[in-house]
C-alpha atoms as a PDB file:
ATOM      1  CA  LEU A   1      70.224  24.019  55.091  1.00  0.00           C
ATOM      2  CA  ARG A   2      69.324  27.037  55.881  1.00  0.00           C
ATOM      3  CA  GLN A   3      70.835  30.069  53.520  1.00  0.00           C
ATOM      4  CA  SER A   4      71.963  33.564  54.819  1.00  0.00           C
ATOM      5  CA  ALA A   5      70.571  36.633  52.748  1.00  0.00           C
ATOM      6  CA  PRO A   6      74.117  37.176  51.172  1.00  0.00           C
ATOM      7  CA  ASP A   7      73.970  33.901  50.092  1.00  0.00           C
ATOM      8  CA  ARG A   8      70.123  34.329  48.304  1.00  0.00           C
ATOM      9  CA  LEU A   9      71.380  37.278  47.098  1.00  0.00           C
ATOM     10  CA  ARG A  10      74.247  35.610  45.424  1.00  0.00           C
ATOM     11  CA  ARG A  11      72.279  33.157  44.281  1.00  0.00           C
ATOM     12  CA  GLY A  12      69.846  34.794  42.448  1.00  0.00           C
ATOM     13  CA  GLY A  13      65.719  33.784  42.724  1.00  0.00           C
ATOM     14  CA  ALA A  14      62.099  35.705  43.162  1.00  0.00           C
ATOM     15  CA  GLY A  15      63.195  37.305  46.574  1.00  0.00           C
ATOM     16  CA  ASP A  16      66.302  38.896  45.548  1.00  0.00           C
ATOM     17  CA  ASP A  17      65.190  42.783  46.294  1.00  0.00           C
ATOM     18  CA  THR A  18      62.803  41.353  48.796  1.00  0.00           C
ATOM     19  CA  ASP A  19      66.343  40.771  50.504  1.00  0.00           C
ATOM     20  CA  LEU A  20      68.580  43.453  49.293  1.00  0.00           C
ATOM     21  CA  ARG A  21      66.021  46.004  51.005  1.00  0.00           C
ATOM     22  CA  TRP A  22      66.526  43.958  53.942  1.00  0.00           C
ATOM     23  CA  TRP A  23      69.809  44.232  54.123  1.00  0.00           C
ATOM     24  CA  LEU A  24      70.047  47.672  53.170  1.00  0.00           C
ATOM     25  CA  ILE A  25      67.079  48.858  56.377  1.00  0.00           C
ATOM     26  CA  ARG A  26      69.325  47.196  58.522  1.00  0.00           C
ATOM     27  CA  LEU A  27      72.937  48.891  57.490  1.00  0.00           C
ATOM     28  CA  ALA A  28      70.770  52.138  57.463  1.00  0.00           C
ATOM     29  CA  VAL A  29      69.404  51.597  61.290  1.00  0.00           C
ATOM     30  CA  ALA A  30      72.468  50.336  62.330  1.00  0.00           C
ATOM     31  CA  GLY A  31      74.701  53.453  60.646  1.00  0.00           C
ATOM     32  CA  ARG A  32      71.825  55.341  62.763  1.00  0.00           C
ATOM     33  CA  ILE A  33      72.444  53.464  65.859  1.00  0.00           C
ATOM     34  CA  PHE A  34      76.094  53.745  65.653  1.00  0.00           C
ATOM     35  CA  MET A  35      76.050  57.815  64.922  1.00  0.00           C
ATOM     36  CA  ALA A  36      73.392  58.427  67.539  1.00  0.00           C
ATOM     37  CA  GLY A  37      75.711  56.712  70.147  1.00  0.00           C
ATOM     38  CA  GLY A  38      78.270  59.425  68.990  1.00  0.00           C
ATOM     39  CA  GLN A  39      80.495  56.439  68.417  1.00  0.00           C
ATOM     40  CA  CYS A  40      81.713  58.316  64.794  1.00  0.00           C
ATOM     41  CA  GLY A  41      85.008  59.244  66.860  1.00  0.00           C
ATOM     42  CA  GLY A  42      85.945  60.934  69.781  1.00  0.00           C
ATOM     43  CA  LEU A  43      85.721  64.268  71.786  1.00  0.00           C
ATOM     44  CA  ILE A  44      88.455  66.189  71.713  1.00  0.00           C
ATOM     45  CA  VAL A  45      88.205  69.939  74.352  1.00  0.00           C
ATOM     46  CA  VAL A  46      91.593  71.735  73.782  1.00  0.00           C
ATOM     47  CA  CYS A  47      92.464  74.041  76.404  1.00  0.00           C
ATOM     48  CA  GLY A  48      95.169  76.872  76.523  1.00  0.00           C
ATOM     49  CA  THR A  49      96.918  77.479  79.605  1.00  0.00           C
ATOM     50  CA  VAL A  50      97.243  81.233  80.531  1.00  0.00           C
ATOM     51  CA  THR A  51     101.363  81.419  81.617  1.00  0.00           C
ATOM     52  CA  ALA A  52     101.670  85.283  81.989  1.00  0.00           C
ATOM     53  CA  SER A  53      99.775  88.114  82.062  1.00  0.00           C
ATOM     54  CA  PRO A  54      97.933  89.272  79.016  1.00  0.00           C
ATOM     55  CA  ARG A  55      98.614  92.789  77.427  1.00  0.00           C
ATOM     56  CA  GLN A  56      96.357  94.612  75.327  1.00  0.00           C
ATOM     57  CA  PRO A  57      97.818  95.405  72.101  1.00  0.00           C
ATOM     58  CA  ARG A  58      98.623  99.229  70.766  1.00  0.00           C
ATOM     59  CA  HIS A  59      96.211  98.983  67.985  1.00  0.00           C
ATOM     60  CA  GLY A  60      93.411  97.354  70.459  1.00  0.00           C
ATOM     61  CA  GLY A  61      90.889  94.993  70.134  1.00  0.00           C
ATOM     62  CA  HIS A  62      90.949  91.008  70.701  1.00  0.00           C
ATOM     63  CA  THR A  63      94.160  88.805  69.922  1.00  0.00           C
ATOM     64  CA  LEU A  64      94.333  85.406  71.489  1.00  0.00           C
ATOM     65  CA  GLY A  65      92.703  82.660  70.505  1.00  0.00           C
ATOM     66  CA  LEU A  66      91.686  84.219  67.500  1.00  0.00           C
ATOM     67  CA  SER A  67      93.766  81.853  64.851  1.00  0.00           C
ATOM     68  CA  THR A  68      93.403  78.959  66.101  1.00  0.00           C
ATOM     69  CA  PRO A  69      92.077  76.812  63.917  1.00  0.00           C
ATOM     70  CA  VAL A  70      89.764  74.265  66.481  1.00  0.00           C
ATOM     71  CA  PRO A  71      88.046  76.072  69.623  1.00  0.00           C
ATOM     72  CA  VAL A  72      89.909  76.499  72.869  1.00  0.00           C
ATOM     73  CA  THR A  73      88.970  76.778  75.884  1.00  0.00           C
ATOM     74  CA  TRP A  74      91.300  78.831  78.560  1.00  0.00           C
ATOM     75  CA  ILE A  75      92.523  78.106  81.418  1.00  0.00           C
ATOM     76  CA  ALA A  76      93.694  81.244  83.359  1.00  0.00           C
ATOM     77  CA  ASN A  77      93.906  81.784  87.556  1.00  0.00           C
ATOM     78  CA  ALA A  78      92.780  84.577  89.341  1.00  0.00           C
ATOM     79  CA  GLU A  79      95.265  86.910  88.993  1.00  0.00           C
ATOM     80  CA  ARG A  80      94.860  86.565  85.284  1.00  0.00           C
ATOM     81  CA  ILE A  81      91.907  86.395  84.203  1.00  0.00           C
ATOM     82  CA  SER A  82      90.559  89.675  84.321  1.00  0.00           C
ATOM     83  CA  GLY A  83      93.239  90.228  81.594  1.00  0.00           C
ATOM     84  CA  ALA A  84      92.511  87.757  79.571  1.00  0.00           C
ATOM     85  CA  ALA A  85      89.418  88.030  79.286  1.00  0.00           C
ATOM     86  CA  GLU A  86      89.932  91.489  77.865  1.00  0.00           C
ATOM     87  CA  VAL A  87      92.787  90.255  75.645  1.00  0.00           C
ATOM     88  CA  LEU A  88      90.443  87.447  74.740  1.00  0.00           C
ATOM     89  CA  GLY A  89      86.791  89.232  74.400  1.00  0.00           C
ATOM     90  CA  PRO A  90      83.729  87.495  74.903  1.00  0.00           C
ATOM     91  CA  SER A  91      83.128  84.924  72.401  1.00  0.00           C
ATOM     92  CA  GLN A  92      86.176  83.112  74.287  1.00  0.00           C
ATOM     93  CA  GLU A  93      85.643  80.271  76.699  1.00  0.00           C
ATOM     94  CA  LEU A  94      87.367  81.444  79.934  1.00  0.00           C
ATOM     95  CA  VAL A  95      87.693  78.806  82.492  1.00  0.00           C
ATOM     96  CA  LEU A  96      89.202  79.974  86.026  1.00  0.00           C
ATOM     97  CA  GLN A  97      91.983  78.141  87.802  1.00  0.00           C
ATOM     98  CA  VAL A  98      91.209  77.934  91.627  1.00  0.00           C
ATOM     99  CA  ALA A  99      93.958  77.363  94.225  1.00  0.00           C
ATOM    100  CA  PRO A 100      93.390  74.322  96.279  1.00  0.00           C
ATOM    101  CA  GLY A 101      93.506  76.655  99.366  1.00  0.00           C
ATOM    102  CA  ALA A 102      90.603  78.815  98.248  1.00  0.00           C
ATOM    103  CA  PHE A 103      88.494  75.144  99.640  1.00  0.00           C
ATOM    104  CA  ALA A 104      89.231  75.808 102.847  1.00  0.00           C
ATOM    105  CA  SER A 105      86.290  77.853 104.001  1.00  0.00           C
ATOM    106  CA  ARG A 106      82.560  78.236 102.301  1.00  0.00           C
ATOM    107  CA  HIS A 107      83.584  82.437 101.968  1.00  0.00           C
ATOM    108  CA  ARG A 108      86.453  81.873 100.783  1.00  0.00           C
ATOM    109  CA  LEU A 109      85.592  80.358  97.734  1.00  0.00           C
ATOM    110  CA  ARG A 110      82.562  82.441  97.221  1.00  0.00           C
ATOM    111  CA  ASP A 111      84.612  85.580  97.366  1.00  0.00           C
ATOM    112  CA  VAL A 112      87.216  84.200  94.755  1.00  0.00           C
ATOM    113  CA  LEU A 113      84.341  83.099  91.852  1.00  0.00           C
ATOM    114  CA  ALA A 114      82.178  86.505  92.657  1.00  0.00           C
ATOM    115  CA  ARG A 115      85.892  88.322  91.995  1.00  0.00           C
ATOM    116  CA  ALA A 116      86.265  85.825  88.851  1.00  0.00           C
ATOM    117  CA  ARG A 117      82.340  86.306  87.687  1.00  0.00           C
ATOM    118  CA  GLU A 118      83.298  90.292  87.797  1.00  0.00           C
ATOM    119  CA  ALA A 119      85.567  89.435  84.670  1.00  0.00           C
ATOM    120  CA  VAL A 120      83.357  86.821  82.704  1.00  0.00           C
ATOM    121  CA  PRO A 121      80.065  87.154  83.874  1.00  0.00           C
ATOM    122  CA  THR A 122      79.361  83.860  82.228  1.00  0.00           C
ATOM    123  CA  LEU A 123      81.430  81.979  83.946  1.00  0.00           C
ATOM    124  CA  SER A 124      80.583  78.550  84.432  1.00  0.00           C
ATOM    125  CA  ALA A 125      83.526  76.255  84.679  1.00  0.00           C
ATOM    126  CA  ILE A 126      86.395  75.881  86.911  1.00  0.00           C
ATOM    127  CA  ALA A 127      89.873  74.078  86.895  1.00  0.00           C
ATOM    128  CA  VAL A 128      91.840  72.585  89.937  1.00  0.00           C
ATOM    129  CA  ARG A 129      94.804  71.368  89.595  1.00  0.00           C
ATOM    130  CA  GLY A 130      97.959  69.830  91.544  1.00  0.00           C
ATOM    131  CA  GLY A 131      95.297  67.418  93.122  1.00  0.00           C
ATOM    132  CA  GLY A 132      93.454  69.765  95.632  1.00  0.00           C
ATOM    133  CA  GLU A 133      90.641  68.360  97.304  1.00  0.00           C
ATOM    134  CA  ILE A 134      87.322  69.206  95.959  1.00  0.00           C
ATOM    135  CA  GLU A 135      85.201  70.559  98.750  1.00  0.00           C
ATOM    136  CA  HIS A 136      81.342  72.280  99.191  1.00  0.00           C
ATOM    137  CA  ARG A 137      80.152  71.087  95.245  1.00  0.00           C
ATOM    138  CA  SER A 138      76.636  72.405  96.792  1.00  0.00           C
ATOM    139  CA  LEU A 139      78.238  76.105  96.845  1.00  0.00           C
ATOM    140  CA  LEU A 140      79.598  75.362  93.197  1.00  0.00           C
ATOM    141  CA  VAL A 141      76.231  74.883  92.137  1.00  0.00           C
ATOM    142  CA  GLU A 142      74.513  77.451  93.689  1.00  0.00           C
ATOM    143  CA  GLU A 143      77.359  79.668  92.045  1.00  0.00           C
ATOM    144  CA  GLY A 144      76.549  78.498  88.506  1.00  0.00           C
ATOM    145  CA  ILE A 145      79.729  76.499  88.610  1.00  0.00           C
ATOM    146  CA  ARG A 146      78.647  73.231  86.148  1.00  0.00           C
ATOM    147  CA  VAL A 147      82.300  71.201  85.360  1.00  0.00           C
ATOM    148  CA  VAL A 148      85.289  71.314  87.188  1.00  0.00           C
ATOM    149  CA  LEU A 149      88.504  69.755  85.672  1.00  0.00           C
ATOM    150  CA  VAL A 150      90.301  67.690  88.057  1.00  0.00           C
ATOM    151  CA  ASP A 151      94.144  66.000  87.133  1.00  0.00           C
ATOM    152  CA  THR A 152      92.596  62.170  88.213  1.00  0.00           C
ATOM    153  CA  LEU A 153      89.090  60.825  89.489  1.00  0.00           C
ATOM    154  CA  PRO A 154      88.637  57.806  91.393  1.00  0.00           C
ATOM    155  CA  ALA A 155      89.584  55.262  89.221  1.00  0.00           C
ATOM    156  CA  ASP A 156      85.965  52.765  90.505  1.00  0.00           C
ATOM    157  CA  GLY A 157      83.997  55.834  89.116  1.00  0.00           C
ATOM    158  CA  ARG A 158      82.878  56.301  93.007  1.00  0.00           C
ATOM    159  CA  GLY A 159      80.088  59.208  93.894  1.00  0.00           C
ATOM    160  CA  ALA A 160      78.827  59.317  90.451  1.00  0.00           C
ATOM    161  CA  ARG A 161      75.138  60.358  90.246  1.00  0.00           C
ATOM    162  CA  ARG A 162      74.546  59.338  86.810  1.00  0.00           C
ATOM    163  CA  PRO A 163      76.747  57.237  84.474  1.00  0.00           C
ATOM    164  CA  ALA A 164      79.211  58.759  82.130  1.00  0.00           C
ATOM    165  CA  PRO A 165      79.419  57.562  78.655  1.00  0.00           C
ATOM    166  CA  SER A 166      81.737  54.617  78.359  1.00  0.00           C
ATOM    167  CA  GLY A 167      85.652  55.112  78.344  1.00  0.00           C
ATOM    168  CA  TRP A 168      84.725  59.055  79.223  1.00  0.00           C
ATOM    169  CA  ARG A 169      86.995  60.361  82.416  1.00  0.00           C
ATOM    170  CA  CYS A 170      84.459  62.388  83.818  1.00  0.00           C
ATOM    171  CA  ARG A 171      81.514  62.002  86.950  1.00  0.00           C
ATOM    172  CA  ASN A 172      78.738  63.584  87.633  1.00  0.00           C
ATOM    173  CA  SER A 173      79.689  64.112  91.088  1.00  0.00           C
ATOM    174  CA  SER A 174      76.552  66.338  92.202  1.00  0.00           C
ATOM    175  CA  TRP A 175      73.514  67.434  90.435  1.00  0.00           C
ATOM    176  CA  GLY A 176      74.621  69.693  87.769  1.00  0.00           C
ATOM    177  CA  LEU A 177      77.755  69.348  88.902  1.00  0.00           C
ATOM    178  CA  TRP A 178      80.408  67.580  86.465  1.00  0.00           C
ATOM    179  CA  GLU A 179      84.409  66.598  87.090  1.00  0.00           C
ATOM    180  CA  ILE A 180      86.236  66.267  84.304  1.00  0.00           C
ATOM    181  CA  GLU A 181      89.690  64.801  84.126  1.00  0.00           C
ATOM    182  CA  ILE A 182      92.209  66.795  81.909  1.00  0.00           C
ATOM    183  CA  ALA A 183      95.666  65.449  81.066  1.00  0.00           C
ATOM    184  CA  SER A 184      98.568  67.121  79.447  1.00  0.00           C
ATOM    185  CA  ALA A 185      98.803  67.280  75.048  1.00  0.00           C
ATOM    186  CA  SER A 186     101.471  65.374  75.011  1.00  0.00           C
ATOM    187  CA  ARG A 187     102.834  62.284  76.679  1.00  0.00           C
ATOM    188  CA  ARG A 188     107.164  61.284  76.845  1.00  0.00           C
ATOM    189  CA  GLY A 189     107.919  58.891  73.870  1.00  0.00           C
ATOM    190  CA  PRO A 190     110.879  57.180  71.848  1.00  0.00           C
ATOM    191  CA  LEU A 191     111.321  60.547  70.461  1.00  0.00           C
ATOM    192  CA  SER A 192     111.150  62.838  73.246  1.00  0.00           C
ATOM    193  CA  ILE A 193     114.666  63.295  73.662  1.00  0.00           C
ATOM    194  CA  PHE A 194     114.281  64.766  69.889  1.00  0.00           C
ATOM    195  CA  GLY A 195     111.658  66.912  71.011  1.00  0.00           C
ATOM    196  CA  ILE A 196     109.137  65.533  69.212  1.00  0.00           C
ATOM    197  CA  GLU A 197     105.849  65.774  70.663  1.00  0.00           C
ATOM    198  CA  THR A 198     104.132  62.168  71.061  1.00  0.00           C
ATOM    199  CA  ARG A 199     100.089  62.838  71.169  1.00  0.00           C
ATOM    200  CA  PRO A 200      97.806  60.252  73.604  1.00  0.00           C
ATOM    201  CA  SER A 201      95.925  58.153  71.164  1.00  0.00           C
ATOM    202  CA  ILE A 202      91.548  58.913  70.392  1.00  0.00           C
ATOM    203  CA  ARG A 203      90.055  55.299  70.513  1.00  0.00           C
ATOM    204  CA  ARG A 204      87.093  56.057  68.919  1.00  0.00           C
ATOM    205  CA  GLY A 205      83.795  57.249  70.932  1.00  0.00           C
ATOM    206  CA  SER A 206      86.439  58.149  73.317  1.00  0.00           C
ATOM    207  CA  LEU A 207      86.612  62.067  75.247  1.00  0.00           C
ATOM    208  CA  ALA A 208      89.951  63.266  75.213  1.00  0.00           C
ATOM    209  CA  VAL A 209      90.653  67.318  77.368  1.00  0.00           C
ATOM    210  CA  LEU A 210      93.936  68.190  76.300  1.00  0.00           C
ATOM    211  CA  ALA A 211      95.846  70.486  78.268  1.00  0.00           C
ATOM    212  CA  THR A 212      99.142  73.258  76.821  1.00  0.00           C
ATOM    213  CA  ASP A 213     100.189  76.176  77.175  1.00  0.00           C
ATOM    214  CA  GLY A 214      98.248  78.805  75.555  1.00  0.00           C
ATOM    215  CA  GLN A 215     100.100  82.405  75.109  1.00  0.00           C
ATOM    216  CA  ASP A 216     103.289  82.621  75.179  1.00  0.00           C
ATOM    217  CA  ALA A 217     104.900  86.397  77.040  1.00  0.00           C
ATOM    218  CA  GLN A 218     104.590  88.220  74.223  1.00  0.00           C
ATOM    219  CA  GLY A 219     100.809  87.700  74.296  1.00  0.00           C
ATOM    220  CA  MET A 220     100.504  85.514  70.983  1.00  0.00           C
ATOM    221  CA  VAL A 221      99.340  82.030  70.792  1.00  0.00           C
ATOM    222  CA  HIS A 222     102.228  79.452  72.446  1.00  0.00           C
ATOM    223  CA  ASN A 223     103.608  77.906  69.842  1.00  0.00           C
ATOM    224  CA  ARG A 224     103.009  74.531  72.065  1.00  0.00           C
ATOM    225  CA  LEU A 225      98.998  74.923  71.366  1.00  0.00           C
ATOM    226  CA  GLU A 226      99.499  76.027  67.422  1.00  0.00           C
ATOM    227  CA  ARG A 227     100.741  72.071  67.480  1.00  0.00           C
ATOM    228  CA  LEU A 228      98.284  71.157  69.524  1.00  0.00           C
ATOM    229  CA  THR A 229      95.160  72.949  67.152  1.00  0.00           C
ATOM    230  CA  ALA A 230      96.697  71.807  64.143  1.00  0.00           C
ATOM    231  CA  TRP A 231      96.769  68.273  65.351  1.00  0.00           C
ATOM    232  CA  ALA A 232      92.701  68.253  66.418  1.00  0.00           C
ATOM    233  CA  GLU A 233      92.234  70.141  63.372  1.00  0.00           C
ATOM    234  CA  LYS A 234      93.823  66.876  61.004  1.00  0.00           C
ATOM    235  CA  MET A 235      92.268  64.106  63.869  1.00  0.00           C
ATOM    236  CA  ALA A 236      89.161  66.237  62.558  1.00  0.00           C
ATOM    237  CA  SER A 237      89.218  66.382  59.048  1.00  0.00           C
ATOM    238  CA  ARG A 238      89.907  62.644  59.131  1.00  0.00           C
ATOM    239  CA  GLY A 239      86.559  62.362  60.717  1.00  0.00           C
ATOM    240  CA  ALA A 240      88.206  60.453  63.733  1.00  0.00           C
ATOM    241  CA  THR A 241      87.476  63.436  66.193  1.00  0.00           C
ATOM    242  CA  GLU A 242      85.418  66.129  66.535  1.00  0.00           C
ATOM    243  CA  ALA A 243      86.765  69.455  68.853  1.00  0.00           C
ATOM    244  CA  VAL A 244      84.389  71.059  70.678  1.00  0.00           C
ATOM    245  CA  THR A 245      84.480  73.549  73.518  1.00  0.00           C
ATOM    246  CA  LEU A 246      84.189  72.696  77.310  1.00  0.00           C
ATOM    247  CA  SER A 247      80.250  74.595  77.428  1.00  0.00           C
ATOM    248  CA  THR A 248      79.445  72.611  74.260  1.00  0.00           C
ATOM    249  CA  LEU A 249      80.754  69.230  76.287  1.00  0.00           C
ATOM    250  CA  VAL A 250      78.653  70.143  78.937  1.00  0.00           C
ATOM    251  CA  ALA A 251      75.783  70.529  76.826  1.00  0.00           C
ATOM    252  CA  ARG A 252      76.091  67.162  75.495  1.00  0.00           C
ATOM    253  CA  LEU A 253      76.242  65.160  78.775  1.00  0.00           C
ATOM    254  CA  SER A 254      73.426  66.966  80.332  1.00  0.00           C
ATOM    255  CA  GLY A 255      71.649  66.677  77.534  1.00  0.00           C
ATOM    256  CA  ASP A 256      70.764  70.206  76.280  1.00  0.00           C
ATOM    257  CA  ASP A 257      72.626  69.994  72.965  1.00  0.00           C
ATOM    258  CA  GLN A 258      71.011  69.217  69.720  1.00  0.00           C
ATOM    259  CA  GLN A 259      73.658  66.559  69.260  1.00  0.00           C
ATOM    260  CA  THR A 260      74.074  64.847  72.565  1.00  0.00           C
ATOM    261  CA  LEU A 261      75.060  61.629  72.808  1.00  0.00           C
ATOM    262  CA  ALA A 262      72.169  59.552  72.051  1.00  0.00           C
ATOM    263  CA  GLY A 263      69.742  61.677  73.220  1.00  0.00           C
ATOM    264  CA  SER A 264      71.272  61.465  77.236  1.00  0.00           C
ATOM    265  CA  VAL A 265      73.630  60.675  78.764  1.00  0.00           C
ATOM    266  CA  LEU A 266      71.722  57.453  80.679  1.00  0.00           C
ATOM    267  CA  ARG A 267      71.710  55.681  77.093  1.00  0.00           C
ATOM    268  CA  ALA A 268      75.416  56.560  75.697  1.00  0.00           C
ATOM    269  CA  ALA A 269      76.316  54.497  78.806  1.00  0.00           C
END
């Protein structure tokens, strides 16, 4: 009967060295494919919502986001984004939360984006919460918007121009524009009545964009965000996940990042 390479290794023989090298090569190649496909762990994007108008500290400088153990992508609406940009500083990533009513006309949407860009010149992402319909996608691309965070995506994946990696809740709805599903950082569980948060399970190779309150009334990092970033850091230290900013995620989807998934989204899908 034909013996497998491990059987021949156990029995010994002249081909031991050759067989051993063969199995080592197979393991190395499999490992490279495994890592190149982005399957070494899940990706987490931590989002903190600016829930109150930030106040500049008396001593000056920037406060929000500097003490978080993992990168945070901040979300602020049109009324708060200017103050948030002053407090956060240029090193922090800001996303504009656009009210569904802004999509009523191209002129109104362009005006909202232009005013936000005065505060954040590098603005490249918006969030549309509450299930509002997204219109004027071509205008968003023209205005430099590369990603839209939404509450839900169509389950059948309709309208996608390019495939997304398996298990990732996102779609390339227009050339140059990605829509990515955002979820709550905690879900209800049997211990919720005791105030104990249950985090969503992060499967190997999956993507989770999680949002929670970003700051409290005093303009400091909210304790919910502190707990979320501590959990994300713990997951990353185990090698189970990698915490990245939204812009890094989009760069990998688009193939602009050195660590892009297997070189392209098409191969990762």
